[in-house]
Amino acid sequence: MMDHGANGNENEAGGDTKPSAGASDGFDAASGIPSGADAGNRAGTALNKIRTLEEALAVITDGTTLMYGGFGGIGTPPALTEGIVAKGVKDLILIGNDTGFPQIGIGPLVTLGRVAKVITSHIGSNPFAGKRMTEGSMEVVFYPQGTLAEKIRAGGVGLGGILVDVGVGTLMGEGRETVSVLGKTYLVEPALTAEVAIVHAKRADPYGNLVYDKSGRNFNPLVAMAGRITIAEADEIVPLGGLDPETIVTPGVFVDMVIPGKGVSWQWVWEKKHAAE
C-alpha cells in the first residue's frame, strides 16, 4: 500500500528512457515495465499496478466506504461499478457528487438498495435515491457541490478540514463548530476520505499515472487522492513512457491498482435517437 500523503510523478518519459515496441534492453515490449537482470535498477516490476477486475473487487466488501468520480455518470468507472453490482455487496457508504441515473453511473447500486448512506451534492437525477431517502432506508447527507469537492480535496492532501461560511447563522449551522478568522465566522467542515476510491481515466500507464477525457475528468483527480486504496479503470493502458508527462493529471503515487476498461455500455436518450435515425 502506497503513502497517499506523498507527491510525485512516477512516469518515465522522453529521451532514451522510453521503450520501443521491439525493445530488448530489459523492458517488456508489451507493457514497458523493466524486466530481466537490470529490473532492480530500473524501478522493477513491483511498481506494475495493473490488476484484474476480480483483484480490484476483492477490496470492496459489505459496508465499505466507497468514494467515486463522476458527474451524472460521466467519469464514473463502468466496469468497476458493474462489477460491484454483480458481486452483490451491500450496506455501502458512498461519497460522490451525485447518485447518477437509475441505470447509469453509480445509480444501479442505489436503485438496487445496496447503499446504506450517501454523502453527495444532489440526488435529483435518480428517483430511487429520493424514494429511499424519504422511506428511511438510505441516509443522505447533502453538501453544496463546491464544499463537497473541497472536503474531498482536503482529505486527499492530508488536511483536517476546511472553513466555509455557507450555513453560518442558519439551521444548518446550529450546534456546529465555528472558527473566527479576521472577524468573520466560519463553519468547520471535516475532510472526507474513503476506504476505497474508484476513478475512470482515458489512459493510464503501468505505474498508475492517469490522463482523463475532457469533462470526464470532473471529480476524479480529487477522488483519486482521497482513497486509502485507489483503483483506476482506464480505457487504454499504454507502456511505461507512453504518456506525455504534460498531460498527466493524477500521478501514479496516488493510485494502487489499474484495471483495463472497455468504455461505457449505456447511451443517453438523444444518442439512441440519433442512432435510430
C-alpha atoms as a PDB file:
ATOM      1  CA  MET A   1       0.000   0.000   0.000  1.00  0.00           C
ATOM      2  CA  MET A   2       1.421   3.352  -1.007  1.00  0.00           C
ATOM      3  CA  ASP A   3       1.521   6.514   1.067  1.00  0.00           C
ATOM      4  CA  HIS A   4      -1.044   8.874  -0.416  1.00  0.00           C
ATOM      5  CA  GLY A   5       0.439  11.731   1.528  1.00  0.00           C
ATOM      6  CA  ALA A   6       3.396  11.851  -0.847  1.00  0.00           C
ATOM      7  CA  ASN A   7       3.628  13.814  -4.054  1.00  0.00           C
ATOM      8  CA  GLY A   8       5.450  12.921  -7.223  1.00  0.00           C
ATOM      9  CA  ASN A   9       5.155  11.674 -10.745  1.00  0.00           C
ATOM     10  CA  GLU A  10       6.127   8.072 -11.364  1.00  0.00           C
ATOM     11  CA  ASN A  11       6.120   8.098 -15.137  1.00  0.00           C
ATOM     12  CA  GLU A  12       9.228   7.757 -17.253  1.00  0.00           C
ATOM     13  CA  ALA A  13       9.050   9.975 -20.298  1.00  0.00           C
ATOM     14  CA  GLY A  14      11.142  11.350 -23.086  1.00  0.00           C
ATOM     15  CA  GLY A  15      14.650  10.733 -24.312  1.00  0.00           C
ATOM     16  CA  ASP A  16      16.237   7.320 -24.216  1.00  0.00           C
ATOM     17  CA  THR A  17      14.087   6.066 -21.343  1.00  0.00           C
ATOM     18  CA  LYS A  18      11.017   5.456 -23.486  1.00  0.00           C
ATOM     19  CA  PRO A  19      10.850   1.770 -24.518  1.00  0.00           C
ATOM     20  CA  SER A  20      10.328   0.914 -28.148  1.00  0.00           C
ATOM     21  CA  ALA A  21       7.916  -1.743 -29.362  1.00  0.00           C
ATOM     22  CA  GLY A  22      10.727  -4.168 -30.005  1.00  0.00           C
ATOM     23  CA  ALA A  23      12.845  -3.273 -27.010  1.00  0.00           C
ATOM     24  CA  SER A  24      15.278  -5.911 -25.817  1.00  0.00           C
ATOM     25  CA  ASP A  25      17.124  -3.733 -23.313  1.00  0.00           C
ATOM     26  CA  GLY A  26      15.476  -5.015 -20.149  1.00  0.00           C
ATOM     27  CA  PHE A  27      11.925  -3.823 -20.853  1.00  0.00           C
ATOM     28  CA  ASP A  28       8.909  -5.973 -21.551  1.00  0.00           C
ATOM     29  CA  ALA A  29       7.901  -4.961 -25.078  1.00  0.00           C
ATOM     30  CA  ALA A  30       4.172  -5.044 -24.361  1.00  0.00           C
ATOM     31  CA  SER A  31       3.991  -3.169 -21.068  1.00  0.00           C
ATOM     32  CA  GLY A  32       7.198  -1.163 -20.977  1.00  0.00           C
ATOM     33  CA  ILE A  33       7.846  -2.469 -17.461  1.00  0.00           C
ATOM     34  CA  PRO A  34      11.521  -3.159 -16.645  1.00  0.00           C
ATOM     35  CA  SER A  35      12.378  -6.846 -16.628  1.00  0.00           C
ATOM     36  CA  GLY A  36      15.376  -9.131 -16.587  1.00  0.00           C
ATOM     37  CA  ALA A  37      18.645  -8.776 -14.731  1.00  0.00           C
ATOM     38  CA  ASP A  38      18.575  -4.984 -14.523  1.00  0.00           C
ATOM     39  CA  ALA A  39      14.965  -4.713 -13.344  1.00  0.00           C
ATOM     40  CA  GLY A  40      16.001  -3.858  -9.801  1.00  0.00           C
ATOM     41  CA  ASN A  41      17.979  -0.875 -11.038  1.00  0.00           C
ATOM     42  CA  ARG A  42      15.210   0.371 -13.315  1.00  0.00           C
ATOM     43  CA  ALA A  43      12.205   0.553 -10.973  1.00  0.00           C
ATOM     44  CA  GLY A  44      11.318  -3.146 -11.190  1.00  0.00           C
ATOM     45  CA  THR A  45       8.041  -4.955 -11.722  1.00  0.00           C
ATOM     46  CA  ALA A  46       6.889  -4.298  -8.151  1.00  0.00           C
ATOM     47  CA  LEU A  47       5.574  -0.928  -9.332  1.00  0.00           C
ATOM     48  CA  ASN A  48       3.412  -2.508 -12.013  1.00  0.00           C
ATOM     49  CA  LYS A  49      -0.094  -1.738 -10.755  1.00  0.00           C
ATOM     50  CA  ILE A  50      -2.093  -3.442 -13.499  1.00  0.00           C
ATOM     51  CA  ARG A  51      -4.585  -5.833 -11.936  1.00  0.00           C
ATOM     52  CA  THR A  52      -7.651  -7.809 -12.944  1.00  0.00           C
ATOM     53  CA  LEU A  53     -11.184  -6.689 -12.195  1.00  0.00           C
ATOM     54  CA  GLU A  54     -11.511  -9.590  -9.770  1.00  0.00           C
ATOM     55  CA  GLU A  55      -8.446  -8.472  -7.813  1.00  0.00           C
ATOM     56  CA  ALA A  56      -9.815  -4.945  -7.587  1.00  0.00           C
ATOM     57  CA  LEU A  57     -13.252  -6.071  -6.435  1.00  0.00           C
ATOM     58  CA  ALA A  58     -11.716  -8.148  -3.648  1.00  0.00           C
ATOM     59  CA  VAL A  59     -11.117  -4.997  -1.570  1.00  0.00           C
ATOM     60  CA  ILE A  60     -14.766  -3.880  -1.794  1.00  0.00           C
ATOM     61  CA  THR A  61     -16.963  -5.714   0.697  1.00  0.00           C
ATOM     62  CA  ASP A  62     -20.186  -5.158   2.648  1.00  0.00           C
ATOM     63  CA  GLY A  63     -20.095  -1.831   4.486  1.00  0.00           C
ATOM     64  CA  THR A  64     -17.136  -0.390   2.559  1.00  0.00           C
ATOM     65  CA  THR A  65     -16.884   3.395   2.393  1.00  0.00           C
ATOM     66  CA  LEU A  66     -16.600   3.942  -1.356  1.00  0.00           C
ATOM     67  CA  MET A  67     -15.720   7.253  -2.992  1.00  0.00           C
ATOM     68  CA  TYR A  68     -16.272   7.596  -6.729  1.00  0.00           C
ATOM     69  CA  GLY A  69     -15.542  10.040  -9.506  1.00  0.00           C
ATOM     70  CA  GLY A  70     -18.121  11.186 -11.999  1.00  0.00           C
ATOM     71  CA  PHE A  71     -20.800  13.740 -12.727  1.00  0.00           C
ATOM     72  CA  GLY A  72     -24.167  12.298 -13.692  1.00  0.00           C
ATOM     73  CA  GLY A  73     -22.436   9.110 -14.774  1.00  0.00           C
ATOM     74  CA  ILE A  74     -19.770  10.808 -16.893  1.00  0.00           C
ATOM     75  CA  GLY A  75     -16.426   9.822 -15.415  1.00  0.00           C
ATOM     76  CA  THR A  76     -17.737   7.049 -13.162  1.00  0.00           C
ATOM     77  CA  PRO A  77     -15.815   3.805 -13.904  1.00  0.00           C
ATOM     78  CA  PRO A  78     -18.325   1.500 -15.662  1.00  0.00           C
ATOM     79  CA  ALA A  79     -16.608  -1.886 -15.357  1.00  0.00           C
ATOM     80  CA  LEU A  80     -15.880  -1.362 -11.669  1.00  0.00           C
ATOM     81  CA  THR A  81     -19.436  -0.220 -10.968  1.00  0.00           C
ATOM     82  CA  GLU A  82     -20.925  -3.155 -12.869  1.00  0.00           C
ATOM     83  CA  GLY A  83     -18.568  -5.491 -11.037  1.00  0.00           C
ATOM     84  CA  ILE A  84     -19.613  -4.137  -7.635  1.00  0.00           C
ATOM     85  CA  VAL A  85     -23.264  -4.639  -8.579  1.00  0.00           C
ATOM     86  CA  ALA A  86     -22.607  -8.190  -9.788  1.00  0.00           C
ATOM     87  CA  LYS A  87     -20.638  -9.050  -6.649  1.00  0.00           C
ATOM     88  CA  GLY A  88     -23.696  -8.261  -4.545  1.00  0.00           C
ATOM     89  CA  VAL A  89     -22.041  -6.154  -1.852  1.00  0.00           C
ATOM     90  CA  LYS A  90     -24.432  -4.168   0.328  1.00  0.00           C
ATOM     91  CA  ASP A  91     -24.611  -1.547   3.087  1.00  0.00           C
ATOM     92  CA  LEU A  92     -22.144   0.643   1.221  1.00  0.00           C
ATOM     93  CA  ILE A  93     -21.361   4.197   2.286  1.00  0.00           C
ATOM     94  CA  LEU A  94     -20.977   6.241  -0.889  1.00  0.00           C
ATOM     95  CA  ILE A  95     -19.216   9.577  -1.307  1.00  0.00           C
ATOM     96  CA  GLY A  96     -19.580  11.354  -4.630  1.00  0.00           C
ATOM     97  CA  ASN A  97     -21.057  14.292  -6.480  1.00  0.00           C
ATOM     98  CA  ASP A  98     -24.411  12.649  -7.226  1.00  0.00           C
ATOM     99  CA  THR A  99     -26.259   9.343  -7.318  1.00  0.00           C
ATOM    100  CA  GLY A 100     -26.175   9.009 -11.091  1.00  0.00           C
ATOM    101  CA  PHE A 101     -29.238   7.884 -13.012  1.00  0.00           C
ATOM    102  CA  PRO A 102     -31.191   4.700 -12.210  1.00  0.00           C
ATOM    103  CA  GLN A 103     -29.087   2.598 -14.615  1.00  0.00           C
ATOM    104  CA  ILE A 104     -26.139   4.928 -15.238  1.00  0.00           C
ATOM    105  CA  GLY A 105     -23.025   5.658 -13.209  1.00  0.00           C
ATOM    106  CA  ILE A 106     -23.228   4.756  -9.535  1.00  0.00           C
ATOM    107  CA  GLY A 107     -27.035   4.729  -9.867  1.00  0.00           C
ATOM    108  CA  PRO A 108     -27.637   0.951 -10.056  1.00  0.00           C
ATOM    109  CA  LEU A 109     -26.231   0.460  -6.549  1.00  0.00           C
ATOM    110  CA  VAL A 110     -28.791   2.941  -5.225  1.00  0.00           C
ATOM    111  CA  THR A 111     -31.575   1.523  -7.379  1.00  0.00           C
ATOM    112  CA  LEU A 112     -30.957  -1.987  -6.042  1.00  0.00           C
ATOM    113  CA  GLY A 113     -30.889  -0.857  -2.408  1.00  0.00           C
ATOM    114  CA  ARG A 114     -27.223  -1.676  -1.818  1.00  0.00           C
ATOM    115  CA  VAL A 115     -26.409   1.684  -0.202  1.00  0.00           C
ATOM    116  CA  ALA A 116     -26.816   2.496   3.493  1.00  0.00           C
ATOM    117  CA  LYS A 117     -25.634   6.100   3.293  1.00  0.00           C
ATOM    118  CA  VAL A 118     -24.557   8.582   0.656  1.00  0.00           C
ATOM    119  CA  ILE A 119     -22.661  11.851   1.083  1.00  0.00           C
ATOM    120  CA  THR A 120     -23.374  13.918  -2.001  1.00  0.00           C
ATOM    121  CA  SER A 121     -24.404  17.246  -3.520  1.00  0.00           C
ATOM    122  CA  HIS A 122     -27.622  16.171  -5.250  1.00  0.00           C
ATOM    123  CA  ILE A 123     -29.785  13.130  -5.979  1.00  0.00           C
ATOM    124  CA  GLY A 124     -32.345  14.606  -8.360  1.00  0.00           C
ATOM    125  CA  SER A 125     -31.334  12.552 -11.399  1.00  0.00           C
ATOM    126  CA  ASN A 126     -32.078   9.264  -9.642  1.00  0.00           C
ATOM    127  CA  PRO A 127     -35.671   8.967  -8.362  1.00  0.00           C
ATOM    128  CA  PHE A 128     -34.770   5.812  -6.434  1.00  0.00           C
ATOM    129  CA  ALA A 129     -32.412   7.882  -4.282  1.00  0.00           C
ATOM    130  CA  GLY A 130     -35.226  10.226  -3.298  1.00  0.00           C
ATOM    131  CA  LYS A 131     -37.542   7.289  -2.653  1.00  0.00           C
ATOM    132  CA  ARG A 132     -35.059   5.513  -0.406  1.00  0.00           C
ATOM    133  CA  MET A 133     -34.263   8.725   1.445  1.00  0.00           C
ATOM    134  CA  THR A 134     -37.904   9.527   2.201  1.00  0.00           C
ATOM    135  CA  GLU A 135     -38.745   5.973   3.266  1.00  0.00           C
ATOM    136  CA  GLY A 136     -35.717   5.954   5.574  1.00  0.00           C
ATOM    137  CA  SER A 137     -33.839   3.034   4.027  1.00  0.00           C
ATOM    138  CA  MET A 138     -30.889   5.187   2.906  1.00  0.00           C
ATOM    139  CA  GLU A 139     -29.348   8.093   4.781  1.00  0.00           C
ATOM    140  CA  VAL A 140     -28.444  11.101   2.640  1.00  0.00           C
ATOM    141  CA  VAL A 141     -26.067  13.881   3.697  1.00  0.00           C
ATOM    142  CA  PHE A 142     -26.068  16.898   1.388  1.00  0.00           C
ATOM    143  CA  TYR A 143     -23.315  19.439   0.848  1.00  0.00           C
ATOM    144  CA  PRO A 144     -23.053  22.260  -1.679  1.00  0.00           C
ATOM    145  CA  GLN A 145     -21.037  20.956  -4.612  1.00  0.00           C
ATOM    146  CA  GLY A 146     -18.066  23.240  -4.013  1.00  0.00           C
ATOM    147  CA  THR A 147     -17.956  22.369  -0.329  1.00  0.00           C
ATOM    148  CA  LEU A 148     -18.082  18.651  -1.142  1.00  0.00           C
ATOM    149  CA  ALA A 149     -15.240  18.989  -3.644  1.00  0.00           C
ATOM    150  CA  GLU A 150     -13.098  20.889  -1.150  1.00  0.00           C
ATOM    151  CA  LYS A 151     -13.790  18.379   1.643  1.00  0.00           C
ATOM    152  CA  ILE A 152     -12.576  15.595  -0.653  1.00  0.00           C
ATOM    153  CA  ARG A 153      -9.541  17.606  -1.753  1.00  0.00           C
ATOM    154  CA  ALA A 154      -8.686  18.339   1.877  1.00  0.00           C
ATOM    155  CA  GLY A 155      -8.811  14.643   2.674  1.00  0.00           C
ATOM    156  CA  GLY A 156      -6.575  13.858  -0.263  1.00  0.00           C
ATOM    157  CA  VAL A 157      -3.857  16.317   0.713  1.00  0.00           C
ATOM    158  CA  GLY A 158      -3.913  15.428   4.394  1.00  0.00           C
ATOM    159  CA  LEU A 159      -5.746  18.426   5.836  1.00  0.00           C
ATOM    160  CA  GLY A 160      -8.096  18.038   8.771  1.00  0.00           C
ATOM    161  CA  GLY A 161     -10.844  20.057   7.141  1.00  0.00           C
ATOM    162  CA  ILE A 162     -11.850  23.376   5.606  1.00  0.00           C
ATOM    163  CA  LEU A 163     -13.575  26.577   6.710  1.00  0.00           C
ATOM    164  CA  VAL A 164     -16.779  27.685   4.963  1.00  0.00           C
ATOM    165  CA  ASP A 165     -19.240  30.495   5.551  1.00  0.00           C
ATOM    166  CA  VAL A 166     -22.119  28.657   3.881  1.00  0.00           C
ATOM    167  CA  GLY A 167     -24.701  27.876   6.559  1.00  0.00           C
ATOM    168  CA  VAL A 168     -23.429  30.277   9.218  1.00  0.00           C
ATOM    169  CA  GLY A 169     -26.370  31.727  11.136  1.00  0.00           C
ATOM    170  CA  THR A 170     -28.840  29.212   9.688  1.00  0.00           C
ATOM    171  CA  LEU A 171     -30.440  25.979  10.855  1.00  0.00           C
ATOM    172  CA  MET A 172     -27.611  24.072   9.137  1.00  0.00           C
ATOM    173  CA  GLY A 173     -25.064  25.830  11.319  1.00  0.00           C
ATOM    174  CA  GLU A 174     -26.711  25.154  14.663  1.00  0.00           C
ATOM    175  CA  GLY A 175     -24.535  23.172  17.049  1.00  0.00           C
ATOM    176  CA  ARG A 176     -21.612  23.174  14.619  1.00  0.00           C
ATOM    177  CA  GLU A 177     -18.018  24.050  15.460  1.00  0.00           C
ATOM    178  CA  THR A 178     -17.106  27.548  14.304  1.00  0.00           C
ATOM    179  CA  VAL A 179     -13.881  29.496  13.894  1.00  0.00           C
ATOM    180  CA  SER A 180     -13.410  33.254  13.673  1.00  0.00           C
ATOM    181  CA  VAL A 181     -10.819  34.487  11.171  1.00  0.00           C
ATOM    182  CA  LEU A 182     -10.202  38.225  10.738  1.00  0.00           C
ATOM    183  CA  GLY A 183     -13.534  38.944  12.335  1.00  0.00           C
ATOM    184  CA  LYS A 184     -15.542  36.592  10.110  1.00  0.00           C
ATOM    185  CA  THR A 185     -17.195  33.398  11.367  1.00  0.00           C
ATOM    186  CA  TYR A 186     -16.782  30.113   9.536  1.00  0.00           C
ATOM    187  CA  LEU A 187     -18.120  26.602  10.000  1.00  0.00           C
ATOM    188  CA  VAL A 188     -15.530  23.843  10.335  1.00  0.00           C
ATOM    189  CA  GLU A 189     -16.101  21.134   7.718  1.00  0.00           C
ATOM    190  CA  PRO A 190     -14.073  17.962   8.346  1.00  0.00           C
ATOM    191  CA  ALA A 191     -12.171  16.462   5.426  1.00  0.00           C
ATOM    192  CA  LEU A 192     -13.538  13.418   3.610  1.00  0.00           C
ATOM    193  CA  THR A 193     -11.618  10.233   2.850  1.00  0.00           C
ATOM    194  CA  ALA A 194     -12.696   6.699   1.982  1.00  0.00           C
ATOM    195  CA  GLU A 195     -11.530   3.134   2.389  1.00  0.00           C
ATOM    196  CA  VAL A 196     -11.687   2.683  -1.387  1.00  0.00           C
ATOM    197  CA  ALA A 197     -11.796   5.269  -4.174  1.00  0.00           C
ATOM    198  CA  ILE A 198     -12.655   4.395  -7.786  1.00  0.00           C
ATOM    199  CA  VAL A 199     -11.919   6.625 -10.773  1.00  0.00           C
ATOM    200  CA  HIS A 200     -12.213   6.469 -14.555  1.00  0.00           C
ATOM    201  CA  ALA A 201      -9.331   7.541 -16.789  1.00  0.00           C
ATOM    202  CA  LYS A 202      -8.910   7.735 -20.539  1.00  0.00           C
ATOM    203  CA  ARG A 203      -5.336   6.456 -20.408  1.00  0.00           C
ATOM    204  CA  ALA A 204      -3.013   5.026 -17.781  1.00  0.00           C
ATOM    205  CA  ASP A 205       0.445   3.525 -17.678  1.00  0.00           C
ATOM    206  CA  PRO A 206       1.569   0.560 -15.548  1.00  0.00           C
ATOM    207  CA  TYR A 207       2.735   2.877 -12.754  1.00  0.00           C
ATOM    208  CA  GLY A 208      -0.761   4.354 -12.398  1.00  0.00           C
ATOM    209  CA  ASN A 209      -0.225   7.779 -13.961  1.00  0.00           C
ATOM    210  CA  LEU A 210      -3.605   8.926 -15.294  1.00  0.00           C
ATOM    211  CA  VAL A 211      -4.916  11.088 -18.139  1.00  0.00           C
ATOM    212  CA  TYR A 212      -8.620  11.972 -18.198  1.00  0.00           C
ATOM    213  CA  ASP A 213     -11.058  12.561 -21.044  1.00  0.00           C
ATOM    214  CA  LYS A 214     -12.363  16.133 -21.227  1.00  0.00           C
ATOM    215  CA  SER A 215     -15.344  16.630 -18.875  1.00  0.00           C
ATOM    216  CA  GLY A 216     -14.921  13.048 -17.676  1.00  0.00           C
ATOM    217  CA  ARG A 217     -12.157  14.479 -15.516  1.00  0.00           C
ATOM    218  CA  ASN A 218     -14.592  16.266 -13.124  1.00  0.00           C
ATOM    219  CA  PHE A 219     -14.246  14.896  -9.565  1.00  0.00           C
ATOM    220  CA  ASN A 220     -11.811  12.116 -10.487  1.00  0.00           C
ATOM    221  CA  PRO A 221      -8.488  13.838  -9.645  1.00  0.00           C
ATOM    222  CA  LEU A 222      -9.782  14.804  -6.195  1.00  0.00           C
ATOM    223  CA  VAL A 223     -11.251  11.366  -5.519  1.00  0.00           C
ATOM    224  CA  ALA A 224      -8.039   9.638  -6.612  1.00  0.00           C
ATOM    225  CA  MET A 225      -6.138  11.382  -3.809  1.00  0.00           C
ATOM    226  CA  ALA A 226      -8.644  10.652  -1.052  1.00  0.00           C
ATOM    227  CA  GLY A 227      -8.863   6.861  -1.021  1.00  0.00           C
ATOM    228  CA  ARG A 228      -6.923   4.618   1.314  1.00  0.00           C
ATOM    229  CA  ILE A 229      -6.915   2.313  -1.716  1.00  0.00           C
ATOM    230  CA  THR A 230      -7.445   3.934  -5.106  1.00  0.00           C
ATOM    231  CA  ILE A 231      -8.464   1.876  -8.123  1.00  0.00           C
ATOM    232  CA  ALA A 232      -8.321   3.405 -11.595  1.00  0.00           C
ATOM    233  CA  GLU A 233     -10.207   1.970 -14.545  1.00  0.00           C
ATOM    234  CA  ALA A 234      -8.567   3.036 -17.806  1.00  0.00           C
ATOM    235  CA  ASP A 235      -9.961   2.739 -21.313  1.00  0.00           C
ATOM    236  CA  GLU A 236      -6.402   2.377 -22.592  1.00  0.00           C
ATOM    237  CA  ILE A 237      -3.251   1.219 -20.820  1.00  0.00           C
ATOM    238  CA  VAL A 238      -0.071   2.324 -22.558  1.00  0.00           C
ATOM    239  CA  PRO A 239       3.529   1.175 -21.996  1.00  0.00           C
ATOM    240  CA  LEU A 240       5.650   2.970 -19.451  1.00  0.00           C
ATOM    241  CA  GLY A 241       6.823   6.204 -21.054  1.00  0.00           C
ATOM    242  CA  GLY A 242       3.837   6.248 -23.401  1.00  0.00           C
ATOM    243  CA  LEU A 243       2.147   9.203 -21.704  1.00  0.00           C
ATOM    244  CA  ASP A 244       3.165  12.781 -22.355  1.00  0.00           C
ATOM    245  CA  PRO A 245       4.100  13.946 -18.834  1.00  0.00           C
ATOM    246  CA  GLU A 246       2.460  17.318 -19.523  1.00  0.00           C
ATOM    247  CA  THR A 247      -0.933  15.605 -19.887  1.00  0.00           C
ATOM    248  CA  ILE A 248      -0.789  13.560 -16.675  1.00  0.00           C
ATOM    249  CA  VAL A 249      -3.282  14.869 -14.129  1.00  0.00           C
ATOM    250  CA  THR A 250      -3.103  12.205 -11.417  1.00  0.00           C
ATOM    251  CA  PRO A 251       0.428  10.991 -10.611  1.00  0.00           C
ATOM    252  CA  GLY A 252       0.740   7.266 -10.047  1.00  0.00           C
ATOM    253  CA  VAL A 253       1.744   7.756  -6.409  1.00  0.00           C
ATOM    254  CA  PHE A 254      -1.966   8.171  -5.628  1.00  0.00           C
ATOM    255  CA  VAL A 255      -3.055   5.002  -7.456  1.00  0.00           C
ATOM    256  CA  ASP A 256      -2.828   1.445  -6.117  1.00  0.00           C
ATOM    257  CA  MET A 257      -4.438  -0.577  -8.906  1.00  0.00           C
ATOM    258  CA  VAL A 258      -5.119  -0.053 -12.605  1.00  0.00           C
ATOM    259  CA  ILE A 259      -7.644  -2.238 -14.385  1.00  0.00           C
ATOM    260  CA  PRO A 260      -8.407  -2.272 -18.116  1.00  0.00           C
ATOM    261  CA  GLY A 261     -11.779  -0.808 -19.054  1.00  0.00           C
ATOM    262  CA  LYS A 262     -13.957  -1.243 -22.110  1.00  0.00           C
ATOM    263  CA  GLY A 263     -15.865   2.034 -22.088  1.00  0.00           C
ATOM    264  CA  VAL A 264     -19.444   2.689 -21.068  1.00  0.00           C
ATOM    265  CA  SER A 265     -22.172   0.231 -22.004  1.00  0.00           C
ATOM    266  CA  TRP A 266     -25.002   2.770 -21.964  1.00  0.00           C
ATOM    267  CA  GLN A 267     -26.211   5.614 -24.175  1.00  0.00           C
ATOM    268  CA  TRP A 268     -28.026   8.841 -23.465  1.00  0.00           C
ATOM    269  CA  VAL A 269     -31.586   9.063 -24.784  1.00  0.00           C
ATOM    270  CA  TRP A 270     -30.566  11.507 -27.529  1.00  0.00           C
ATOM    271  CA  GLU A 271     -27.745   9.190 -28.631  1.00  0.00           C
ATOM    272  CA  LYS A 272     -30.218   6.344 -29.044  1.00  0.00           C
ATOM    273  CA  LYS A 273     -32.499   8.626 -31.039  1.00  0.00           C
ATOM    274  CA  HIS A 274     -29.725   9.635 -33.445  1.00  0.00           C
ATOM    275  CA  ALA A 275     -28.629   6.009 -33.809  1.00  0.00           C
ATOM    276  CA  ALA A 276     -32.170   5.017 -34.775  1.00  0.00           C
ATOM    277  CA  GLU A 277     -32.282   7.730 -37.423  1.00  0.00           C
END
